[in-house]
Amino acid sequence: MNANTHRERKAASRENLLASAWELFHTEGYDSTTQTAIAEGAGLHLQTLIRHFPTKADLVAGIWQESVKQFEAYFLQREQNAIAAWRNWVEINAKRLSKHKYSMAATESLPILTPEAQDALSRYREIIAEGIAEDMAVDAGSDIRPMLIACMLFAGNSHVADSWRKRRFDEKAYVASLLEVVDSAEEMLAHLFKKAPKSRSKRV
């Protein structure tokens, strides 16, 4: 086996393990999911799982890292302003969860256990803040407002999603309540974006 083939197989195994873990964590819950079940779901041996992800906490970190990688790629290619792009991302993922009828209790109970997972969440906020700074025509390094707005959006949506663990789930209401957070923030902060474009060209 040449080096390229080995890297491709390794990457494919990692991807399959993360997909299996994501599915099981969102249906069975973190605590109820075993490493053996994750490996079987990916069609791999337990030893292969452990080589990639020694613990379930490492899998959670891997899921967040993959999520933020996808978000960054999406965000860099956006044709909208930052808040509109975040709204679209929230809607896409909320509908994804709803479509597959995942357990809300399981979905919102994933622990944040490792520095790697925390770093991935921080990167989400940084990406949003960088986009907002661009829309406001300010320097994200010296102006704290873009990061404050990014934190408000991220924490607001997380709070609303978490609250659905205590309710009878309704797909339309769930999605609407998440989008209301973004719409309310955009309305409240409209004066900061008077000169910001409503749309933008894709970056090359």
Protein backbone atom coordinates (compact mmCIF):
# COMPACT_ATOMS: atom_id res chain seq x y z
CA MET A 1 0.00 0.00 0.00
CA ASN A 2 1.50 3.37 -1.01
CA ALA A 3 1.50 6.43 1.27
CA ASN A 4 -1.37 8.17 -0.52
CA THR A 5 -3.61 5.12 -0.32
CA HIS A 6 -2.82 4.72 3.36
CA ARG A 7 -3.71 8.36 4.06
CA GLU A 8 -6.95 8.06 2.11
CA ARG A 9 -7.98 4.92 4.00
CA LYS A 10 -7.10 6.54 7.31
CA ALA A 11 -9.12 9.64 6.45
CA ALA A 12 -12.08 7.50 5.33
CA SER A 13 -11.98 5.49 8.56
CA ARG A 14 -11.94 8.69 10.62
CA GLU A 15 -14.86 10.11 8.66
CA ASN A 16 -16.91 6.92 9.06
CA LEU A 17 -16.22 6.76 12.79
CA LEU A 18 -17.29 10.37 13.31
CA ALA A 19 -20.46 9.81 11.27
CA SER A 20 -21.31 6.71 13.30
CA ALA A 21 -20.64 8.49 16.60
CA TRP A 22 -22.73 11.50 15.55
CA GLU A 23 -25.66 9.27 14.62
CA LEU A 24 -25.55 7.23 17.83
CA PHE A 25 -24.96 10.18 20.15
CA HIS A 26 -27.99 11.89 18.63
CA THR A 27 -30.27 8.87 18.82
CA GLU A 28 -29.12 6.89 21.84
CA GLY A 29 -27.41 9.60 23.89
CA TYR A 30 -23.76 9.99 24.84
CA ASP A 31 -23.82 7.90 28.00
CA SER A 32 -25.75 5.01 26.42
CA THR A 33 -23.50 4.75 23.37
CA THR A 34 -20.56 2.35 23.57
CA GLN A 35 -17.33 2.51 21.63
CA THR A 36 -18.09 -0.97 20.32
CA ALA A 37 -21.41 0.23 18.88
CA ILE A 38 -19.68 3.19 17.22
CA ALA A 39 -17.05 0.94 15.63
CA GLU A 40 -19.71 -1.49 14.41
CA GLY A 41 -21.75 1.38 12.99
CA ALA A 42 -18.73 2.47 10.99
CA GLY A 43 -18.03 -1.09 9.83
CA LEU A 44 -14.66 -1.09 11.58
CA HIS A 45 -12.94 -2.92 14.42
CA LEU A 46 -12.90 -1.49 17.93
CA GLN A 47 -9.10 -1.33 17.78
CA THR A 48 -9.33 0.94 14.74
CA LEU A 49 -11.66 3.28 16.62
CA ILE A 50 -9.31 3.45 19.60
CA ARG A 51 -6.34 4.25 17.36
CA HIS A 52 -8.21 7.26 15.98
CA PHE A 53 -10.21 8.25 19.06
CA PRO A 54 -9.05 6.70 22.37
CA THR A 55 -12.15 7.91 24.25
CA LYS A 56 -15.72 9.02 23.56
CA ALA A 57 -14.68 12.50 24.63
CA ASP A 58 -12.20 12.50 21.75
CA LEU A 59 -15.04 11.62 19.40
CA VAL A 60 -17.08 14.58 20.63
CA ALA A 61 -14.08 16.84 20.00
CA GLY A 62 -13.68 15.31 16.53
CA ILE A 63 -17.35 15.95 15.73
CA TRP A 64 -17.03 19.61 16.73
CA GLN A 65 -13.77 19.99 14.81
CA GLU A 66 -15.34 18.56 11.67
CA SER A 67 -18.41 20.76 12.14
CA VAL A 68 -16.37 23.96 12.45
CA LYS A 69 -14.30 22.96 9.41
CA GLN A 70 -17.49 22.63 7.36
CA PHE A 71 -18.85 25.89 8.78
CA GLU A 72 -15.67 27.80 7.92
CA ALA A 73 -15.72 26.52 4.33
CA TYR A 74 -19.40 27.50 4.04
CA PHE A 75 -18.86 30.89 5.64
CA LEU A 76 -15.92 31.86 3.42
CA GLN A 77 -18.05 31.20 0.33
CA ARG A 78 -21.11 33.08 1.58
CA GLU A 79 -22.94 35.55 -0.65
CA GLN A 80 -24.75 37.11 2.34
CA ASN A 81 -23.67 39.25 5.24
CA ALA A 82 -22.42 37.41 8.31
CA ILE A 83 -25.63 37.42 10.34
CA ALA A 84 -27.71 36.23 7.35
CA ALA A 85 -25.16 33.49 6.70
CA TRP A 86 -25.31 32.37 10.34
CA ARG A 87 -29.12 32.35 10.15
CA ASN A 88 -28.99 30.10 7.10
CA TRP A 89 -26.50 27.73 8.79
CA VAL A 90 -28.70 27.49 11.89
CA GLU A 91 -31.77 26.74 9.77
CA ILE A 92 -30.01 24.06 7.71
CA ASN A 93 -28.76 22.22 10.79
CA ALA A 94 -32.01 22.58 12.75
CA LYS A 95 -33.94 21.05 9.86
CA ARG A 96 -31.34 18.31 9.54
CA LEU A 97 -31.90 17.26 13.14
CA SER A 98 -35.67 17.54 12.81
CA LYS A 99 -35.81 15.59 9.55
CA HIS A 100 -34.09 12.60 11.07
CA LYS A 101 -36.24 12.70 14.23
CA TYR A 102 -33.26 12.68 16.54
CA SER A 103 -33.92 12.70 20.26
CA MET A 104 -33.68 16.29 21.49
CA ALA A 105 -32.58 15.10 24.92
CA ALA A 106 -29.76 13.12 23.33
CA THR A 107 -28.90 15.84 20.82
CA GLU A 108 -28.50 18.58 23.39
CA SER A 109 -26.72 16.53 26.03
CA LEU A 110 -23.36 16.06 24.32
CA PRO A 111 -20.71 17.04 26.84
CA ILE A 112 -17.93 19.49 26.12
CA LEU A 113 -15.14 17.59 27.78
CA THR A 114 -11.85 18.42 26.14
CA PRO A 115 -9.79 21.52 25.31
CA GLU A 116 -10.02 20.47 21.66
CA ALA A 117 -13.82 20.63 21.76
CA GLN A 118 -13.70 24.00 23.50
CA ASP A 119 -11.27 25.28 20.87
CA ALA A 120 -13.65 24.22 18.10
CA LEU A 121 -16.54 26.10 19.72
CA SER A 122 -14.33 29.15 20.15
CA ARG A 123 -13.42 28.98 16.48
CA TYR A 124 -17.13 29.10 15.56
CA ARG A 125 -17.42 32.42 17.41
CA GLU A 126 -14.20 33.74 15.89
CA ILE A 127 -15.40 33.00 12.35
CA ILE A 128 -18.72 34.75 12.96
CA ALA A 129 -16.95 37.71 14.59
CA GLU A 130 -14.55 38.07 11.66
CA GLY A 131 -17.49 38.21 9.26
CA ILE A 132 -19.37 40.72 11.38
CA ALA A 133 -16.26 42.90 11.63
CA GLU A 134 -16.03 42.87 7.85
CA ASP A 135 -19.69 43.91 7.56
CA MET A 136 -19.19 46.68 10.11
CA ALA A 137 -15.96 47.80 8.41
CA VAL A 138 -14.04 47.59 11.69
CA ASP A 139 -10.94 45.76 12.90
CA ALA A 140 -11.91 42.59 14.79
CA GLY A 141 -8.62 42.75 16.65
CA SER A 142 -9.24 46.15 18.21
CA ASP A 143 -13.04 46.45 18.25
CA ILE A 144 -14.74 44.12 20.73
CA ARG A 145 -18.26 44.55 19.30
CA PRO A 146 -18.05 41.88 16.57
CA MET A 147 -17.03 39.24 19.12
CA LEU A 148 -19.76 40.35 21.55
CA ILE A 149 -22.33 39.98 18.77
CA ALA A 150 -20.95 36.59 17.74
CA CYS A 151 -21.10 35.36 21.34
CA MET A 152 -24.67 36.63 21.68
CA LEU A 153 -25.78 34.79 18.53
CA PHE A 154 -24.01 31.54 19.41
CA ALA A 155 -25.11 31.51 23.06
CA GLY A 156 -28.65 32.60 22.19
CA ASN A 157 -29.15 29.77 19.75
CA SER A 158 -27.54 27.28 22.15
CA HIS A 159 -29.89 28.40 24.94
CA VAL A 160 -32.99 28.01 22.78
CA ALA A 161 -31.90 24.60 21.50
CA ASP A 162 -31.22 23.45 25.05
CA SER A 163 -34.68 24.58 26.19
CA TRP A 164 -36.32 22.10 23.79
CA ARG A 165 -35.16 19.20 25.95
CA LYS A 166 -37.94 20.19 28.35
CA ARG A 167 -40.72 20.55 25.78
CA ARG A 168 -42.83 18.41 23.52
CA PHE A 169 -40.88 18.62 20.27
CA ASP A 170 -42.43 20.41 17.30
CA GLU A 171 -40.23 20.74 14.23
CA LYS A 172 -41.63 24.01 12.88
CA ALA A 173 -41.67 25.67 16.30
CA TYR A 174 -38.15 24.47 17.02
CA VAL A 175 -36.73 25.92 13.81
CA ALA A 176 -38.74 29.14 14.21
CA SER A 177 -37.54 29.69 17.77
CA LEU A 178 -33.89 29.34 16.69
CA LEU A 179 -34.34 31.76 13.80
CA GLU A 180 -36.13 34.23 16.06
CA VAL A 181 -32.89 34.62 18.04
CA VAL A 182 -31.01 35.65 14.92
CA ASP A 183 -33.80 37.90 13.62
CA SER A 184 -34.14 39.65 16.98
CA ALA A 185 -30.41 40.24 17.19
CA GLU A 186 -30.28 41.56 13.64
CA GLU A 187 -33.15 43.98 14.33
CA MET A 188 -31.60 45.16 17.59
CA LEU A 189 -28.21 45.73 15.97
CA ALA A 190 -29.37 47.15 12.62
CA HIS A 191 -27.92 50.58 13.35
CA LEU A 192 -24.41 49.09 13.40
CA PHE A 193 -24.76 47.77 9.87
CA LYS A 194 -26.27 50.71 8.00
CA LYS A 195 -23.34 50.74 5.61
CA ALA A 196 -22.88 46.98 5.51
CA PRO A 197 -23.87 45.21 2.26
CA LYS A 198 -26.84 42.88 2.39
CA SER A 199 -25.06 40.53 0.01
CA ARG A 200 -21.49 39.92 -1.05
CA SER A 201 -19.61 38.24 -3.84
CA LYS A 202 -18.05 34.86 -3.22
CA ARG A 203 -14.38 34.92 -2.37
CA VAL A 204 -12.09 33.36 -4.93
